Protein backbone atom coordinates (compact mmCIF):
# COMPACT_ATOMS: atom_id res chain seq x y z
CA MET A 1 -20.59 260.70 71.46
CA VAL A 2 -18.34 261.00 68.41
CA GLN A 3 -14.70 260.37 69.16
CA GLN A 4 -12.28 262.80 67.54
CA VAL A 5 -9.41 261.17 65.66
CA THR A 6 -6.06 262.76 66.44
CA PRO A 7 -2.82 262.38 64.50
CA GLU A 8 -1.61 260.04 67.26
CA ASP A 9 -4.56 257.72 66.53
CA THR A 10 -3.84 257.37 62.82
CA ILE A 11 -1.86 254.42 61.53
CA ALA A 12 1.29 255.40 59.68
CA VAL A 13 1.68 253.88 56.24
CA ILE A 14 4.91 251.92 55.91
CA TYR A 15 6.74 251.90 52.58
CA PRO A 16 9.19 248.97 52.72
CA GLU A 17 12.69 249.65 51.43
CA SER A 18 13.38 246.00 50.63
CA ASP A 19 11.48 242.89 49.65
CA GLY A 20 14.24 240.50 50.66
CA GLN A 21 14.88 239.50 47.06
CA PRO A 22 18.36 239.64 45.46
CA MET A 23 19.23 242.57 43.22
CA ALA A 24 20.10 240.21 40.35
CA ASP A 25 19.68 236.56 39.42
CA ASN A 26 23.19 236.05 38.06
CA THR A 27 26.58 237.71 37.73
CA GLU A 28 26.05 239.00 34.19
CA GLN A 29 22.78 240.69 35.02
CA PHE A 30 24.36 242.27 38.10
CA ALA A 31 27.38 243.44 36.09
CA TRP A 32 25.15 245.18 33.53
CA ILE A 33 23.03 246.86 36.22
CA VAL A 34 26.15 248.23 37.91
CA LYS A 35 27.75 249.21 34.59
CA ILE A 36 24.77 251.25 33.39
CA LYS A 37 24.05 252.82 36.77
CA GLU A 38 27.66 253.81 37.52
CA ASN A 39 28.37 255.14 34.04
CA LEU A 40 25.27 257.31 34.19
CA GLU A 41 26.45 258.55 37.59
CA ILE A 42 29.74 259.54 35.97
CA LEU A 43 27.99 261.15 33.00
CA PHE A 44 25.80 263.36 35.21
CA ALA A 45 28.24 263.83 38.10
CA SER A 46 28.39 267.59 37.56
CA GLN A 47 24.60 268.03 37.47
CA ALA A 48 23.25 268.32 41.00
CA ASP A 49 19.62 267.89 39.92
CA VAL A 50 19.92 264.44 38.35
CA PHE A 51 19.17 261.54 40.71
CA ILE A 52 20.22 258.05 39.63
CA ALA A 53 19.53 254.81 41.47
CA GLY A 54 19.70 251.07 41.02
CA ASP A 55 17.21 248.57 42.43
CA LEU A 56 15.46 251.23 44.51
CA PHE A 57 11.75 250.96 45.29
CA TRP A 58 9.71 253.66 43.57
CA TYR A 59 6.33 254.43 45.15
CA PRO A 60 4.24 256.67 42.87
CA VAL A 61 1.05 256.80 44.96
CA GLN A 62 0.94 258.15 48.49
CA GLY A 63 -0.96 255.93 50.87
CA ASN A 64 -0.62 252.75 48.79
CA PRO A 65 2.62 250.83 49.47
CA ASN A 66 1.44 247.96 47.25
CA ILE A 67 1.95 250.08 44.13
CA LYS A 68 5.69 249.96 43.56
CA GLN A 69 8.50 248.89 41.28
CA ALA A 70 12.26 248.68 41.70
CA PRO A 71 13.80 249.42 38.28
CA ASP A 72 17.25 247.99 37.70
CA THR A 73 18.32 251.57 36.95
CA MET A 74 16.27 254.73 37.00
CA VAL A 75 17.13 258.34 36.20
CA VAL A 76 15.20 261.32 37.55
CA PHE A 77 15.85 264.77 36.14
CA GLY A 78 14.87 267.63 38.41
CA ARG A 79 15.64 265.94 41.72
CA PRO A 80 18.78 266.38 43.82
CA LYS A 81 21.36 263.70 44.33
CA GLY A 82 21.46 262.14 47.76
CA LYS A 83 20.74 259.10 49.87
CA ARG A 84 17.26 257.58 49.83
CA GLY A 85 15.79 254.40 51.24
CA SER A 86 13.10 254.51 48.54
CA TYR A 87 11.77 256.98 46.00
CA LEU A 88 8.52 258.45 47.34
CA GLN A 89 7.25 260.39 44.35
CA TRP A 90 4.92 262.73 46.28
CA ALA A 91 7.92 263.81 48.39
CA GLU A 92 9.95 264.49 45.23
CA ASP A 93 7.81 267.27 43.72
CA ASN A 94 5.74 264.46 42.20
CA ILE A 95 8.41 263.92 39.54
CA PRO A 96 8.50 260.33 38.22
CA PRO A 97 11.68 258.74 36.85
CA GLN A 98 11.96 259.77 33.20
CA VAL A 99 14.29 256.95 32.14
CA VAL A 100 14.25 253.32 33.26
CA PHE A 101 16.48 250.35 32.38
CA GLU A 102 15.66 246.70 32.97
CA ILE A 103 18.26 243.94 32.46
CA LEU A 104 16.69 240.59 31.68
CA SER A 105 17.68 237.29 33.23
CA PRO A 106 16.44 233.76 32.48
CA GLY A 107 14.20 234.05 35.55
CA ASN A 108 12.13 236.92 34.15
CA THR A 109 8.67 235.84 32.97
CA LEU A 110 6.51 237.38 30.27
CA LYS A 111 3.85 238.12 32.90
CA GLU A 112 6.36 239.93 35.10
CA MET A 113 7.76 242.04 32.25
CA THR A 114 4.24 242.88 31.01
CA LYS A 115 3.32 244.16 34.47
CA LYS A 116 6.46 246.28 34.55
CA LEU A 117 5.71 247.73 31.15
CA GLN A 118 2.16 248.59 32.22
CA PHE A 119 3.46 250.16 35.44
CA TYR A 120 6.05 252.33 33.70
CA GLN A 121 3.53 253.36 31.08
CA ARG A 122 0.86 254.23 33.64
CA TYR A 123 3.21 256.29 35.78
CA ALA A 124 4.69 258.27 32.90
CA VAL A 125 8.21 256.95 32.34
CA GLU A 126 9.37 258.70 29.18
CA GLU A 127 12.00 256.17 28.04
CA TYR A 128 12.07 252.48 28.87
CA TYR A 129 14.98 250.28 27.78
CA ILE A 130 15.09 246.49 28.14
CA TYR A 131 18.36 244.63 27.50
CA ASP A 132 18.82 240.87 27.35
CA PRO A 133 22.58 240.21 27.67
CA ASN A 134 22.18 236.50 26.91
CA LYS A 135 20.64 237.26 23.52
CA ASN A 136 22.36 240.62 23.08
CA ASP A 137 18.95 242.09 22.38
CA LEU A 138 17.93 245.65 23.20
CA ASN A 139 14.41 247.05 23.01
CA GLY A 140 13.34 250.61 23.67
CA LEU A 141 9.99 252.26 24.20
CA LEU A 142 9.17 255.95 24.11
CA LEU A 143 6.15 257.48 25.81
CA SER A 144 3.75 259.10 23.35
CA GLY A 145 0.69 260.54 25.01
CA ASP A 146 -0.50 257.91 27.47
CA SER A 147 1.12 254.88 25.85
CA PHE A 148 4.49 253.51 24.80
CA GLU A 149 5.64 253.32 21.21
CA VAL A 150 8.38 250.91 20.20
CA ILE A 151 11.60 252.45 18.94
CA GLU A 152 11.80 250.68 15.60
CA GLU A 153 15.52 251.21 14.96
CA ILE A 154 17.30 250.95 18.29
CA ASN A 155 20.80 250.43 16.87
CA GLY A 156 22.28 253.91 16.69
CA TRP A 157 19.41 255.41 18.69
CA VAL A 158 20.24 258.45 20.83
CA SER A 159 18.30 258.81 24.07
CA PRO A 160 16.46 262.16 24.09
CA ARG A 161 16.92 262.51 27.84
CA LEU A 162 20.36 260.98 28.42
CA GLY A 163 22.04 261.94 25.17
CA VAL A 164 23.77 258.54 25.02
CA GLN A 165 23.82 256.42 21.88
CA PHE A 166 23.06 252.70 21.83
CA GLN A 167 25.16 250.58 19.49
CA LEU A 168 24.63 246.85 19.07
CA THR A 169 27.68 244.95 17.87
CA ALA A 170 27.80 241.26 17.08
CA GLU A 171 28.85 240.50 20.66
CA THR A 172 27.42 243.12 22.98
CA LEU A 173 25.67 246.42 23.64
CA GLU A 174 27.80 249.54 23.62
CA ILE A 175 26.53 252.74 25.22
CA VAL A 176 28.39 255.84 24.05
CA SER A 177 28.26 259.19 25.83
CA PRO A 178 27.80 262.55 24.06
CA SER A 179 31.58 263.03 24.36
CA GLU A 180 32.01 259.71 22.50
CA GLN A 181 33.22 257.88 25.60
CA GLN A 182 32.10 254.27 25.76
CA CYS A 183 30.52 252.99 28.96
CA LEU A 184 32.98 250.69 30.73
CA THR A 185 32.86 248.39 33.71
CA LEU A 186 34.52 249.54 36.93
CA VAL A 187 37.42 247.17 36.24
CA GLU A 188 37.82 248.54 32.71
CA LEU A 189 37.70 252.10 34.06
CA GLU A 190 40.43 251.27 36.58
CA GLN A 191 42.54 249.65 33.85
CA LEU A 192 42.10 252.74 31.67
CA ARG A 193 43.16 255.01 34.54
CA GLU A 194 46.22 252.83 35.13
CA GLN A 195 47.15 253.00 31.44
CA GLU A 196 46.79 256.78 31.51
CA ARG A 197 48.90 256.97 34.69
CA GLN A 198 51.64 254.85 33.13
CA ALA A 199 51.57 256.91 29.93
CA LYS A 200 51.91 260.09 32.00
CA GLU A 201 54.85 258.62 33.88
CA VAL A 202 56.60 257.78 30.59
CA VAL A 203 56.14 261.37 29.37
CA LEU A 204 57.47 262.77 32.66
CA GLN A 205 60.47 260.45 32.52
CA GLU A 206 61.23 261.55 28.95
CA LEU A 207 61.00 265.20 29.99
CA GLN A 208 63.35 264.59 32.92
CA GLN A 209 65.81 262.84 30.61
CA GLU A 210 65.72 265.84 28.27
CA ARG A 211 66.38 268.18 31.21
CA ASP A 212 69.28 266.01 32.37
CA ARG A 213 70.80 266.00 28.88
CA TYR A 214 70.42 269.78 28.65
CA GLN A 215 72.08 270.32 32.03
CA ALA A 216 74.91 267.96 31.07
CA LEU A 217 75.43 269.90 27.84
CA LEU A 218 75.56 273.21 29.73
CA ALA A 219 78.09 271.78 32.16
CA LYS A 220 80.27 270.56 29.29
CA LEU A 221 80.15 273.94 27.56
CA LYS A 222 81.15 275.68 30.79
CA GLN A 223 84.12 273.34 31.14
CA GLN A 224 85.19 274.45 27.68
CA GLY A 225 85.00 278.09 28.76
CA ILE A 226 81.86 278.88 26.80
CA ASP A 227 79.49 281.43 28.36
CA THR A 228 76.12 279.67 28.78
CA ASP A 229 74.28 282.43 30.64
CA ASN A 230 72.53 283.63 27.48
CA LEU A 231 71.59 280.14 26.23
């Protein structure tokens, strides 16, 4: 007799949300991951269909939890913002991340980075950027057909998807938004907000001083019997 298999008899496939490994190997790598991810969040804050994540497992193939990567930062156009334990592509209208960033650390091996490149190429990432903060070296690859092509001149390059421009100075990488705003760390953003707040306070104080001087002048004119109602 043939036994019928019911849904209760099937074994559910588990897609782990963590591998127990740290997000970054050192403070500089972590700082760059956070900087890029958070600035992209700010850039696309008003677009509900742009999902951005850092160090999140991406599973492109249903039924095979061994096929996965956790990009340092990934951007998916066409998917809503929201909380996710992992990115299950088949549950996301089968849309792969279009843009991926990897931040290198001394612990990254050539074998590891080659596997990542092959993975991103195979699963149709359109733009792949690799930054080494220790060497201040940025490389970019653009999907052409089924394979990546190296972006020959990365300094001054504008991402087709993100619209940001990459500028390499002698010291660091600068990422500039379409509105010409430079990507800043969270501390730098807070310092900028504080500077703007203080500048606003100075302007308000100057306006109040002008009002006080005007009221004092009106009071003086009234004391001298001058009609100020039409002033």
